[in-house]
Amino acid sequence: VDSAGVSLLPPSSEQLSGGSATLACLLTGYSPQGAVVSWEVDGTAVTEGVLDSSEEEKSGRYSSSSTLSLSRERWMKGELYSCKVLHHAHSQIQSLRRSQCEG
């Protein structure tokens, strides 16, 4: 089992000025397929606004992504945003703090 590379991207300032916020969790280079992404905001699981891509295979490695779409108001209410990846009994987590994203 090759574990995924996980990147968590914060919403862009352009997007926030438009009143919405989307976080993206990108998974790359894992095998076999079957990675599961879940989201947490301040330690609480979130399922609303989550969109998972299908897994794409290239040279025996898989990649996929999951996005969490929020209103700007909801984004401003939270602080710790986490993307949890479970891949064949191996779990990892990437987190970002909203206060550190504010330019």
PDB file of N, CA and C in Angstrom:
ATOM      1  N   VAL A   1       0.849  -1.187   0.000  1.00  0.00           N
ATOM      2  CA  VAL A   1       0.000   0.000   0.000  1.00  0.00           C
ATOM      3  C   VAL A   1       0.886   1.240   0.000  1.00  0.00           C
ATOM      4  N   ASP A   2       0.658   2.114  -0.981  1.00  0.00           N
ATOM      5  CA  ASP A   2       1.356   3.390  -1.007  1.00  0.00           C
ATOM      6  C   ASP A   2       0.397   4.472  -0.546  1.00  0.00           C
ATOM      7  N   SER A   3       0.770   5.177   0.519  1.00  0.00           N
ATOM      8  CA  SER A   3      -0.142   6.175   1.062  1.00  0.00           C
ATOM      9  C   SER A   3      -0.146   7.426   0.188  1.00  0.00           C
ATOM     10  N   ALA A   4      -1.210   8.170   0.326  1.00  0.00           N
ATOM     11  CA  ALA A   4      -1.433   9.329  -0.521  1.00  0.00           C
ATOM     12  C   ALA A   4      -0.615  10.526  -0.065  1.00  0.00           C
ATOM     13  N   GLY A   5      -0.204  11.334  -1.040  1.00  0.00           N
ATOM     14  CA  GLY A   5       0.239  12.676  -0.722  1.00  0.00           C
ATOM     15  C   GLY A   5      -1.015  13.519  -0.565  1.00  0.00           C
ATOM     16  N   VAL A   6      -1.087  14.287   0.508  1.00  0.00           N
ATOM     17  CA  VAL A   6      -2.298  15.046   0.794  1.00  0.00           C
ATOM     18  C   VAL A   6      -1.971  16.530   0.859  1.00  0.00           C
ATOM     19  N   SER A   7      -2.687  17.319   0.067  1.00  0.00           N
ATOM     20  CA  SER A   7      -2.534  18.775   0.108  1.00  0.00           C
ATOM     21  C   SER A   7      -3.883  19.392   0.432  1.00  0.00           C
ATOM     22  N   LEU A   8      -3.879  20.349   1.342  1.00  0.00           N
ATOM     23  CA  LEU A   8      -5.113  21.045   1.712  1.00  0.00           C
ATOM     24  C   LEU A   8      -4.973  22.506   1.303  1.00  0.00           C
ATOM     25  N   LEU A   9      -5.844  22.934   0.380  1.00  0.00           N
ATOM     26  CA  LEU A   9      -5.754  24.282  -0.161  1.00  0.00           C
ATOM     27  C   LEU A   9      -6.860  25.158   0.410  1.00  0.00           C
ATOM     28  N   PRO A  10      -6.501  26.330   0.928  1.00  0.00           N
ATOM     29  CA  PRO A  10      -7.512  27.236   1.481  1.00  0.00           C
ATOM     30  C   PRO A  10      -8.269  27.959   0.376  1.00  0.00           C
ATOM     31  N   PRO A  11      -9.391  28.570   0.711  1.00  0.00           N
ATOM     32  CA  PRO A  11     -10.122  29.357  -0.287  1.00  0.00           C
ATOM     33  C   PRO A  11      -9.296  30.564  -0.725  1.00  0.00           C
ATOM     34  N   SER A  12      -9.504  31.004  -1.936  1.00  0.00           N
ATOM     35  CA  SER A  12      -8.774  32.162  -2.443  1.00  0.00           C
ATOM     36  C   SER A  12      -9.412  33.444  -1.933  1.00  0.00           C
ATOM     37  N   SER A  13      -8.618  34.495  -1.857  1.00  0.00           N
ATOM     38  CA  SER A  13      -9.147  35.778  -1.391  1.00  0.00           C
ATOM     39  C   SER A  13     -10.184  36.316  -2.368  1.00  0.00           C
ATOM     40  N   GLU A  14      -9.991  36.032  -3.672  1.00  0.00           N
ATOM     41  CA  GLU A  14     -10.976  36.468  -4.667  1.00  0.00           C
ATOM     42  C   GLU A  14     -12.328  35.822  -4.380  1.00  0.00           C
ATOM     43  N   GLN A  15     -12.279  34.533  -4.082  1.00  0.00           N
ATOM     44  CA  GLN A  15     -13.509  33.807  -3.810  1.00  0.00           C
ATOM     45  C   GLN A  15     -14.192  34.341  -2.553  1.00  0.00           C
ATOM     46  N   LEU A  16     -13.395  34.595  -1.522  1.00  0.00           N
ATOM     47  CA  LEU A  16     -13.950  35.090  -0.265  1.00  0.00           C
ATOM     48  C   LEU A  16     -14.603  36.451  -0.447  1.00  0.00           C
ATOM     49  N   SER A  17     -13.999  37.296  -1.288  1.00  0.00           N
ATOM     50  CA  SER A  17     -14.587  38.610  -1.509  1.00  0.00           C
ATOM     51  C   SER A  17     -15.911  38.479  -2.252  1.00  0.00           C
ATOM     52  N   GLY A  18     -16.106  37.343  -2.940  1.00  0.00           N
ATOM     53  CA  GLY A  18     -17.366  37.083  -3.619  1.00  0.00           C
ATOM     54  C   GLY A  18     -18.401  36.419  -2.726  1.00  0.00           C
ATOM     55  N   GLY A  19     -18.044  36.156  -1.463  1.00  0.00           N
ATOM     56  CA  GLY A  19     -19.031  35.658  -0.516  1.00  0.00           C
ATOM     57  C   GLY A  19     -19.071  34.156  -0.330  1.00  0.00           C
ATOM     58  N   SER A  20     -18.115  33.431  -0.920  1.00  0.00           N
ATOM     59  CA  SER A  20     -18.111  31.982  -0.710  1.00  0.00           C
ATOM     60  C   SER A  20     -16.694  31.515  -0.399  1.00  0.00           C
ATOM     61  N   ALA A  21     -16.581  30.273   0.049  1.00  0.00           N
ATOM     62  CA  ALA A  21     -15.282  29.708   0.410  1.00  0.00           C
ATOM     63  C   ALA A  21     -15.276  28.224   0.066  1.00  0.00           C
ATOM     64  N   THR A  22     -14.273  27.798  -0.688  1.00  0.00           N
ATOM     65  CA  THR A  22     -14.130  26.378  -1.002  1.00  0.00           C
ATOM     66  C   THR A  22     -12.733  25.913  -0.620  1.00  0.00           C
ATOM     67  N   LEU A  23     -12.681  24.880   0.189  1.00  0.00           N
ATOM     68  CA  LEU A  23     -11.408  24.250   0.529  1.00  0.00           C
ATOM     69  C   LEU A  23     -11.266  22.995  -0.315  1.00  0.00           C
ATOM     70  N   ALA A  24     -10.045  22.719  -0.753  1.00  0.00           N
ATOM     71  CA  ALA A  24      -9.812  21.539  -1.579  1.00  0.00           C
ATOM     72  C   ALA A  24      -8.761  20.650  -0.924  1.00  0.00           C
ATOM     73  N   CYS A  25      -9.075  19.368  -0.848  1.00  0.00           N
ATOM     74  CA  CYS A  25      -8.140  18.370  -0.336  1.00  0.00           C
ATOM     75  C   CYS A  25      -7.734  17.488  -1.512  1.00  0.00           C
ATOM     76  N   LEU A  26      -6.454  17.541  -1.887  1.00  0.00           N
ATOM     77  CA  LEU A  26      -5.967  16.817  -3.057  1.00  0.00           C
ATOM     78  C   LEU A  26      -5.153  15.609  -2.623  1.00  0.00           C
ATOM     79  N   LEU A  27      -5.488  14.458  -3.174  1.00  0.00           N
ATOM     80  CA  LEU A  27      -4.775  13.212  -2.886  1.00  0.00           C
ATOM     81  C   LEU A  27      -4.046  12.772  -4.139  1.00  0.00           C
ATOM     82  N   THR A  28      -2.780  12.429  -3.988  1.00  0.00           N
ATOM     83  CA  THR A  28      -2.009  12.022  -5.165  1.00  0.00           C
ATOM     84  C   THR A  28      -1.149  10.799  -4.868  1.00  0.00           C
ATOM     85  N   GLY A  29      -0.918  10.015  -5.903  1.00  0.00           N
ATOM     86  CA  GLY A  29       0.097   8.975  -5.893  1.00  0.00           C
ATOM     87  C   GLY A  29      -0.136   7.809  -4.968  1.00  0.00           C
ATOM     88  N   TYR A  30      -1.394   7.424  -4.756  1.00  0.00           N
ATOM     89  CA  TYR A  30      -1.623   6.310  -3.843  1.00  0.00           C
ATOM     90  C   TYR A  30      -2.087   5.074  -4.597  1.00  0.00           C
ATOM     91  N   SER A  31      -1.896   3.920  -3.961  1.00  0.00           N
ATOM     92  CA  SER A  31      -2.419   2.662  -4.489  1.00  0.00           C
ATOM     93  C   SER A  31      -2.585   1.701  -3.311  1.00  0.00           C
ATOM     94  N   PRO A  32      -3.519   0.768  -3.373  1.00  0.00           N
ATOM     95  CA  PRO A  32      -4.569   0.668  -4.391  1.00  0.00           C
ATOM     96  C   PRO A  32      -5.603   1.764  -4.202  1.00  0.00           C
ATOM     97  N   GLN A  33      -6.642   1.745  -5.044  1.00  0.00           N
ATOM     98  CA  GLN A  33      -7.681   2.754  -4.903  1.00  0.00           C
ATOM     99  C   GLN A  33      -8.489   2.501  -3.640  1.00  0.00           C
ATOM    100  N   GLY A  34      -9.331   3.454  -3.282  1.00  0.00           N
ATOM    101  CA  GLY A  34     -10.174   3.276  -2.108  1.00  0.00           C
ATOM    102  C   GLY A  34      -9.867   4.230  -0.980  1.00  0.00           C
ATOM    103  N   ALA A  35      -9.321   5.403  -1.296  1.00  0.00           N
ATOM    104  CA  ALA A  35      -9.098   6.406  -0.263  1.00  0.00           C
ATOM    105  C   ALA A  35     -10.416   7.102   0.059  1.00  0.00           C
ATOM    106  N   VAL A  36     -10.642   7.362   1.334  1.00  0.00           N
ATOM    107  CA  VAL A  36     -11.872   8.010   1.785  1.00  0.00           C
ATOM    108  C   VAL A  36     -11.508   9.305   2.502  1.00  0.00           C
ATOM    109  N   VAL A  37     -12.131  10.391   2.076  1.00  0.00           N
ATOM    110  CA  VAL A  37     -11.859  11.697   2.672  1.00  0.00           C
ATOM    111  C   VAL A  37     -13.031  12.120   3.543  1.00  0.00           C
ATOM    112  N   SER A  38     -12.733  12.621   4.723  1.00  0.00           N
ATOM    113  CA  SER A  38     -13.766  13.242   5.544  1.00  0.00           C
ATOM    114  C   SER A  38     -13.257  14.596   6.028  1.00  0.00           C
ATOM    115  N   TRP A  39     -14.186  15.466   6.339  1.00  0.00           N
ATOM    116  CA  TRP A  39     -13.850  16.836   6.727  1.00  0.00           C
ATOM    117  C   TRP A  39     -14.281  17.113   8.157  1.00  0.00           C
ATOM    118  N   GLU A  40     -13.487  17.941   8.834  1.00  0.00           N
ATOM    119  CA  GLU A  40     -13.865  18.401  10.163  1.00  0.00           C
ATOM    120  C   GLU A  40     -13.616  19.899  10.269  1.00  0.00           C
ATOM    121  N   VAL A  41     -14.514  20.565  10.966  1.00  0.00           N
ATOM    122  CA  VAL A  41     -14.324  21.971  11.290  1.00  0.00           C
ATOM    123  C   VAL A  41     -14.334  22.092  12.803  1.00  0.00           C
ATOM    124  N   ASP A  42     -13.213  22.551  13.356  1.00  0.00           N
ATOM    125  CA  ASP A  42     -13.063  22.651  14.813  1.00  0.00           C
ATOM    126  C   ASP A  42     -13.398  21.332  15.495  1.00  0.00           C
ATOM    127  N   GLY A  43     -12.994  20.229  14.886  1.00  0.00           N
ATOM    128  CA  GLY A  43     -13.149  18.919  15.502  1.00  0.00           C
ATOM    129  C   GLY A  43     -14.497  18.257  15.290  1.00  0.00           C
ATOM    130  N   THR A  44     -15.393  18.927  14.555  1.00  0.00           N
ATOM    131  CA  THR A  44     -16.715  18.371  14.310  1.00  0.00           C
ATOM    132  C   THR A  44     -16.834  17.942  12.849  1.00  0.00           C
ATOM    133  N   ALA A  45     -17.299  16.720  12.627  1.00  0.00           N
ATOM    134  CA  ALA A  45     -17.425  16.213  11.263  1.00  0.00           C
ATOM    135  C   ALA A  45     -18.432  17.041  10.465  1.00  0.00           C
ATOM    136  N   VAL A  46     -18.085  17.325   9.227  1.00  0.00           N
ATOM    137  CA  VAL A  46     -18.945  18.091   8.333  1.00  0.00           C
ATOM    138  C   VAL A  46     -19.200  17.267   7.079  1.00  0.00           C
ATOM    139  N   THR A  47     -20.476  17.156   6.691  1.00  0.00           N
ATOM    140  CA  THR A  47     -20.790  16.434   5.456  1.00  0.00           C
ATOM    141  C   THR A  47     -21.482  17.337   4.443  1.00  0.00           C
ATOM    142  N   GLU A  48     -22.098  18.408   4.914  1.00  0.00           N
ATOM    143  CA  GLU A  48     -22.807  19.308   4.014  1.00  0.00           C
ATOM    144  C   GLU A  48     -21.811  20.123   3.197  1.00  0.00           C
ATOM    145  N   GLY A  49     -22.057  20.218   1.902  1.00  0.00           N
ATOM    146  CA  GLY A  49     -21.174  21.007   1.054  1.00  0.00           C
ATOM    147  C   GLY A  49     -19.931  20.269   0.580  1.00  0.00           C
ATOM    148  N   VAL A  50     -19.860  18.955   0.861  1.00  0.00           N
ATOM    149  CA  VAL A  50     -18.694  18.169   0.461  1.00  0.00           C
ATOM    150  C   VAL A  50     -18.936  17.515  -0.897  1.00  0.00           C
ATOM    151  N   LEU A  51     -17.955  17.619  -1.780  1.00  0.00           N
ATOM    152  CA  LEU A  51     -18.055  17.013  -3.100  1.00  0.00           C
ATOM    153  C   LEU A  51     -16.780  16.220  -3.369  1.00  0.00           C
ATOM    154  N   ASP A  52     -16.922  14.928  -3.587  1.00  0.00           N
ATOM    155  CA  ASP A  52     -15.766  14.073  -3.857  1.00  0.00           C
ATOM    156  C   ASP A  52     -15.639  13.804  -5.347  1.00  0.00           C
ATOM    157  N   SER A  53     -14.419  13.888  -5.857  1.00  0.00           N
ATOM    158  CA  SER A  53     -14.205  13.512  -7.254  1.00  0.00           C
ATOM    159  C   SER A  53     -14.068  11.994  -7.337  1.00  0.00           C
ATOM    160  N   SER A  54     -14.159  11.465  -8.550  1.00  0.00           N
ATOM    161  CA  SER A  54     -13.875  10.049  -8.722  1.00  0.00           C
ATOM    162  C   SER A  54     -12.360   9.856  -8.736  1.00  0.00           C
ATOM    163  N   GLU A  55     -11.933   8.639  -8.394  1.00  0.00           N
ATOM    164  CA  GLU A  55     -10.504   8.360  -8.372  1.00  0.00           C
ATOM    165  C   GLU A  55     -10.001   8.142  -9.798  1.00  0.00           C
ATOM    166  N   GLU A  56      -8.894   8.780 -10.119  1.00  0.00           N
ATOM    167  CA  GLU A  56      -8.301   8.612 -11.443  1.00  0.00           C
ATOM    168  C   GLU A  56      -7.016   7.807 -11.322  1.00  0.00           C
ATOM    169  N   GLU A  57      -6.865   6.859 -12.245  1.00  0.00           N
ATOM    170  CA  GLU A  57      -5.697   5.989 -12.207  1.00  0.00           C
ATOM    171  C   GLU A  57      -4.733   6.365 -13.317  1.00  0.00           C
ATOM    172  N   LYS A  58      -3.455   6.420 -12.978  1.00  0.00           N
ATOM    173  CA  LYS A  58      -2.406   6.689 -13.962  1.00  0.00           C
ATOM    174  C   LYS A  58      -1.170   5.900 -13.561  1.00  0.00           C
ATOM    175  N   SER A  59      -0.754   4.987 -14.420  1.00  0.00           N
ATOM    176  CA  SER A  59       0.413   4.143 -14.153  1.00  0.00           C
ATOM    177  C   SER A  59       0.317   3.420 -12.810  1.00  0.00           C
ATOM    178  N   GLY A  60      -0.889   2.947 -12.482  1.00  0.00           N
ATOM    179  CA  GLY A  60      -1.059   2.174 -11.263  1.00  0.00           C
ATOM    180  C   GLY A  60      -1.170   2.983  -9.996  1.00  0.00           C
ATOM    181  N   ARG A  61      -1.098   4.312 -10.129  1.00  0.00           N
ATOM    182  CA  ARG A  61      -1.275   5.182  -8.969  1.00  0.00           C
ATOM    183  C   ARG A  61      -2.592   5.940  -9.119  1.00  0.00           C
ATOM    184  N   TYR A  62      -3.199   6.238  -7.988  1.00  0.00           N
ATOM    185  CA  TYR A  62      -4.496   6.904  -8.024  1.00  0.00           C
ATOM    186  C   TYR A  62      -4.392   8.319  -7.478  1.00  0.00           C
ATOM    187  N   SER A  63      -5.270   9.161  -7.977  1.00  0.00           N
ATOM    188  CA  SER A  63      -5.399  10.505  -7.422  1.00  0.00           C
ATOM    189  C   SER A  63      -6.875  10.848  -7.361  1.00  0.00           C
ATOM    190  N   SER A  64      -7.223  11.702  -6.412  1.00  0.00           N
ATOM    191  CA  SER A  64      -8.603  12.133  -6.272  1.00  0.00           C
ATOM    192  C   SER A  64      -8.603  13.437  -5.487  1.00  0.00           C
ATOM    193  N   SER A  65      -9.780  14.023  -5.367  1.00  0.00           N
ATOM    194  CA  SER A  65      -9.877  15.257  -4.595  1.00  0.00           C
ATOM    195  C   SER A  65     -11.237  15.333  -3.925  1.00  0.00           C
ATOM    196  N   SER A  66     -11.306  16.146  -2.906  1.00  0.00           N
ATOM    197  CA  SER A  66     -12.563  16.410  -2.230  1.00  0.00           C
ATOM    198  C   SER A  66     -12.606  17.895  -1.937  1.00  0.00           C
ATOM    199  N   THR A  67     -13.755  18.513  -2.145  1.00  0.00           N
ATOM    200  CA  THR A  67     -13.871  19.929  -1.837  1.00  0.00           C
ATOM    201  C   THR A  67     -14.957  20.152  -0.790  1.00  0.00           C
ATOM    202  N   LEU A  68     -14.751  21.163   0.011  1.00  0.00           N
ATOM    203  CA  LEU A  68     -15.722  21.576   1.021  1.00  0.00           C
ATOM    204  C   LEU A  68     -16.121  23.011   0.698  1.00  0.00           C
ATOM    205  N   SER A  69     -17.388  23.193   0.341  1.00  0.00           N
ATOM    206  CA  SER A  69     -17.888  24.516  -0.025  1.00  0.00           C
ATOM    207  C   SER A  69     -18.687  25.109   1.128  1.00  0.00           C
ATOM    208  N   LEU A  70     -18.333  26.326   1.484  1.00  0.00           N
ATOM    209  CA  LEU A  70     -18.961  27.015   2.601  1.00  0.00           C
ATOM    210  C   LEU A  70     -19.342  28.421   2.175  1.00  0.00           C
ATOM    211  N   SER A  71     -20.265  29.010   2.915  1.00  0.00           N
ATOM    212  CA  SER A  71     -20.486  30.440   2.754  1.00  0.00           C
ATOM    213  C   SER A  71     -19.344  31.169   3.464  1.00  0.00           C
ATOM    214  N   ARG A  72     -19.120  32.408   3.082  1.00  0.00           N
ATOM    215  CA  ARG A  72     -18.072  33.184   3.745  1.00  0.00           C
ATOM    216  C   ARG A  72     -18.365  33.307   5.236  1.00  0.00           C
ATOM    217  N   GLU A  73     -19.646  33.456   5.584  1.00  0.00           N
ATOM    218  CA  GLU A  73     -20.022  33.582   6.995  1.00  0.00           C
ATOM    219  C   GLU A  73     -19.639  32.314   7.765  1.00  0.00           C
ATOM    220  N   ARG A  74     -19.907  31.165   7.161  1.00  0.00           N
ATOM    221  CA  ARG A  74     -19.581  29.894   7.819  1.00  0.00           C
ATOM    222  C   ARG A  74     -18.067  29.737   7.962  1.00  0.00           C
ATOM    223  N   TRP A  75     -17.335  30.104   6.925  1.00  0.00           N
ATOM    224  CA  TRP A  75     -15.870  30.045   6.955  1.00  0.00           C
ATOM    225  C   TRP A  75     -15.323  30.920   8.086  1.00  0.00           C
ATOM    226  N   MET A  76     -15.898  32.096   8.255  1.00  0.00           N
ATOM    227  CA  MET A  76     -15.409  33.019   9.277  1.00  0.00           C
ATOM    228  C   MET A  76     -15.722  32.532  10.690  1.00  0.00           C
ATOM    229  N   LYS A  77     -16.708  31.629  10.813  1.00  0.00           N
ATOM    230  CA  LYS A  77     -17.077  31.119  12.137  1.00  0.00           C
ATOM    231  C   LYS A  77     -16.114  30.046  12.628  1.00  0.00           C
ATOM    232  N   GLY A  78     -15.480  29.352  11.708  1.00  0.00           N
ATOM    233  CA  GLY A  78     -14.596  28.259  12.110  1.00  0.00           C
ATOM    234  C   GLY A  78     -13.154  28.728  12.191  1.00  0.00           C
ATOM    235  N   GLU A  79     -12.308  27.899  12.790  1.00  0.00           N
ATOM    236  CA  GLU A  79     -10.886  28.230  12.882  1.00  0.00           C
ATOM    237  C   GLU A  79     -10.025  27.095  12.334  1.00  0.00           C
ATOM    238  N   LEU A  80     -10.263  25.879  12.833  1.00  0.00           N
ATOM    239  CA  LEU A  80      -9.427  24.750  12.418  1.00  0.00           C
ATOM    240  C   LEU A  80     -10.181  23.882  11.406  1.00  0.00           C
ATOM    241  N   TYR A  81      -9.667  23.829  10.192  1.00  0.00           N
ATOM    242  CA  TYR A  81     -10.282  23.048   9.114  1.00  0.00           C
ATOM    243  C   TYR A  81      -9.381  21.864   8.811  1.00  0.00           C
ATOM    244  N   SER A  82      -9.958  20.668   8.834  1.00  0.00           N
ATOM    245  CA  SER A  82      -9.165  19.447   8.674  1.00  0.00           C
ATOM    246  C   SER A  82      -9.726  18.538   7.604  1.00  0.00           C
ATOM    247  N   CYS A  83      -8.819  17.984   6.825  1.00  0.00           N
ATOM    248  CA  CYS A  83      -9.140  16.975   5.819  1.00  0.00           C
ATOM    249  C   CYS A  83      -8.523  15.665   6.301  1.00  0.00           C
ATOM    250  N   LYS A  84      -9.370  14.670   6.560  1.00  0.00           N
ATOM    251  CA  LYS A  84      -8.889  13.379   7.051  1.00  0.00           C
ATOM    252  C   LYS A  84      -8.958  12.354   5.928  1.00  0.00           C
ATOM    253  N   VAL A  85      -7.865  11.638   5.743  1.00  0.00           N
ATOM    254  CA  VAL A  85      -7.798  10.646   4.684  1.00  0.00           C
ATOM    255  C   VAL A  85      -7.606   9.268   5.299  1.00  0.00           C
ATOM    256  N   LEU A  86      -8.516   8.360   4.970  1.00  0.00           N
ATOM    257  CA  LEU A  86      -8.388   6.978   5.415  1.00  0.00           C
ATOM    258  C   LEU A  86      -8.130   6.118   4.185  1.00  0.00           C
ATOM    259  N   HIS A  87      -6.989   5.431   4.195  1.00  0.00           N
ATOM    260  CA  HIS A  87      -6.617   4.628   3.035  1.00  0.00           C
ATOM    261  C   HIS A  87      -6.081   3.294   3.533  1.00  0.00           C
ATOM    262  N   HIS A  88      -6.926   2.281   3.469  1.00  0.00           N
ATOM    263  CA  HIS A  88      -6.529   0.927   3.853  1.00  0.00           C
ATOM    264  C   HIS A  88      -5.835   0.895   5.209  1.00  0.00           C
ATOM    265  N   ALA A  89      -6.562   1.331   6.245  1.00  0.00           N
ATOM    266  CA  ALA A  89      -6.126   1.298   7.637  1.00  0.00           C
ATOM    267  C   ALA A  89      -5.035   2.318   7.940  1.00  0.00           C
ATOM    268  N   HIS A  90      -4.602   3.073   6.939  1.00  0.00           N
ATOM    269  CA  HIS A  90      -3.643   4.139   7.188  1.00  0.00           C
ATOM    270  C   HIS A  90      -4.388   5.458   7.127  1.00  0.00           C
ATOM    271  N   SER A  91      -4.355   6.209   8.228  1.00  0.00           N
ATOM    272  CA  SER A  91      -5.061   7.475   8.206  1.00  0.00           C
ATOM    273  C   SER A  91      -4.075   8.620   8.365  1.00  0.00           C
ATOM    274  N   GLN A  92      -4.382   9.719   7.731  1.00  0.00           N
ATOM    275  CA  GLN A  92      -3.583  10.917   7.921  1.00  0.00           C
ATOM    276  C   GLN A  92      -4.494  12.122   7.860  1.00  0.00           C
ATOM    277  N   ILE A  93      -3.985  13.219   8.375  1.00  0.00           N
ATOM    278  CA  ILE A  93      -4.821  14.406   8.478  1.00  0.00           C
ATOM    279  C   ILE A  93      -3.996  15.630   8.088  1.00  0.00           C
ATOM    280  N   GLN A  94      -4.624  16.529   7.344  1.00  0.00           N
ATOM    281  CA  GLN A  94      -4.031  17.824   7.041  1.00  0.00           C
ATOM    282  C   GLN A  94      -4.981  18.876   7.590  1.00  0.00           C
ATOM    283  N   SER A  95      -4.424  19.879   8.237  1.00  0.00           N
ATOM    284  CA  SER A  95      -5.264  20.919   8.828  1.00  0.00           C
ATOM    285  C   SER A  95      -4.727  22.297   8.475  1.00  0.00           C
ATOM    286  N   LEU A  96      -5.627  23.255   8.461  1.00  0.00           N
ATOM    287  CA  LEU A  96      -5.192  24.637   8.339  1.00  0.00           C
ATOM    288  C   LEU A  96      -6.022  25.496   9.274  1.00  0.00           C
ATOM    289  N   ARG A  97      -5.403  26.581   9.725  1.00  0.00           N
ATOM    290  CA  ARG A  97      -6.094  27.516  10.611  1.00  0.00           C
ATOM    291  C   ARG A  97      -6.502  28.739   9.808  1.00  0.00           C
ATOM    292  N   ARG A  98      -7.767  29.102   9.939  1.00  0.00           N
ATOM    293  CA  ARG A  98      -8.260  30.232   9.176  1.00  0.00           C
ATOM    294  C   ARG A  98      -7.487  31.502   9.488  1.00  0.00           C
ATOM    295  N   SER A  99      -7.124  31.688  10.766  1.00  0.00           N
ATOM    296  CA  SER A  99      -6.446  32.909  11.169  1.00  0.00           C
ATOM    297  C   SER A  99      -5.086  33.041  10.483  1.00  0.00           C
ATOM    298  N   GLN A 100      -4.510  31.907  10.078  1.00  0.00           N
ATOM    299  CA  GLN A 100      -3.217  31.947   9.404  1.00  0.00           C
ATOM    300  C   GLN A 100      -3.361  32.110   7.900  1.00  0.00           C
ATOM    301  N   CYS A 101      -4.611  32.038   7.408  1.00  0.00           N
ATOM    302  CA  CYS A 101      -4.854  32.195   5.977  1.00  0.00           C
ATOM    303  C   CYS A 101      -5.226  33.640   5.644  1.00  0.00           C
ATOM    304  N   GLU A 102      -5.606  34.384   6.684  1.00  0.00           N
ATOM    305  CA  GLU A 102      -6.028  35.742   6.425  1.00  0.00           C
ATOM    306  C   GLU A 102      -4.832  36.565   5.992  1.00  0.00           C
ATOM    307  N   GLY A 103      -4.864  37.029   4.759  1.00  0.00           N
ATOM    308  CA  GLY A 103      -3.741  37.789   4.234  1.00  0.00           C
ATOM    309  C   GLY A 103      -3.661  39.161   4.864  1.00  0.00           C
TER     310      GLY A 103
END
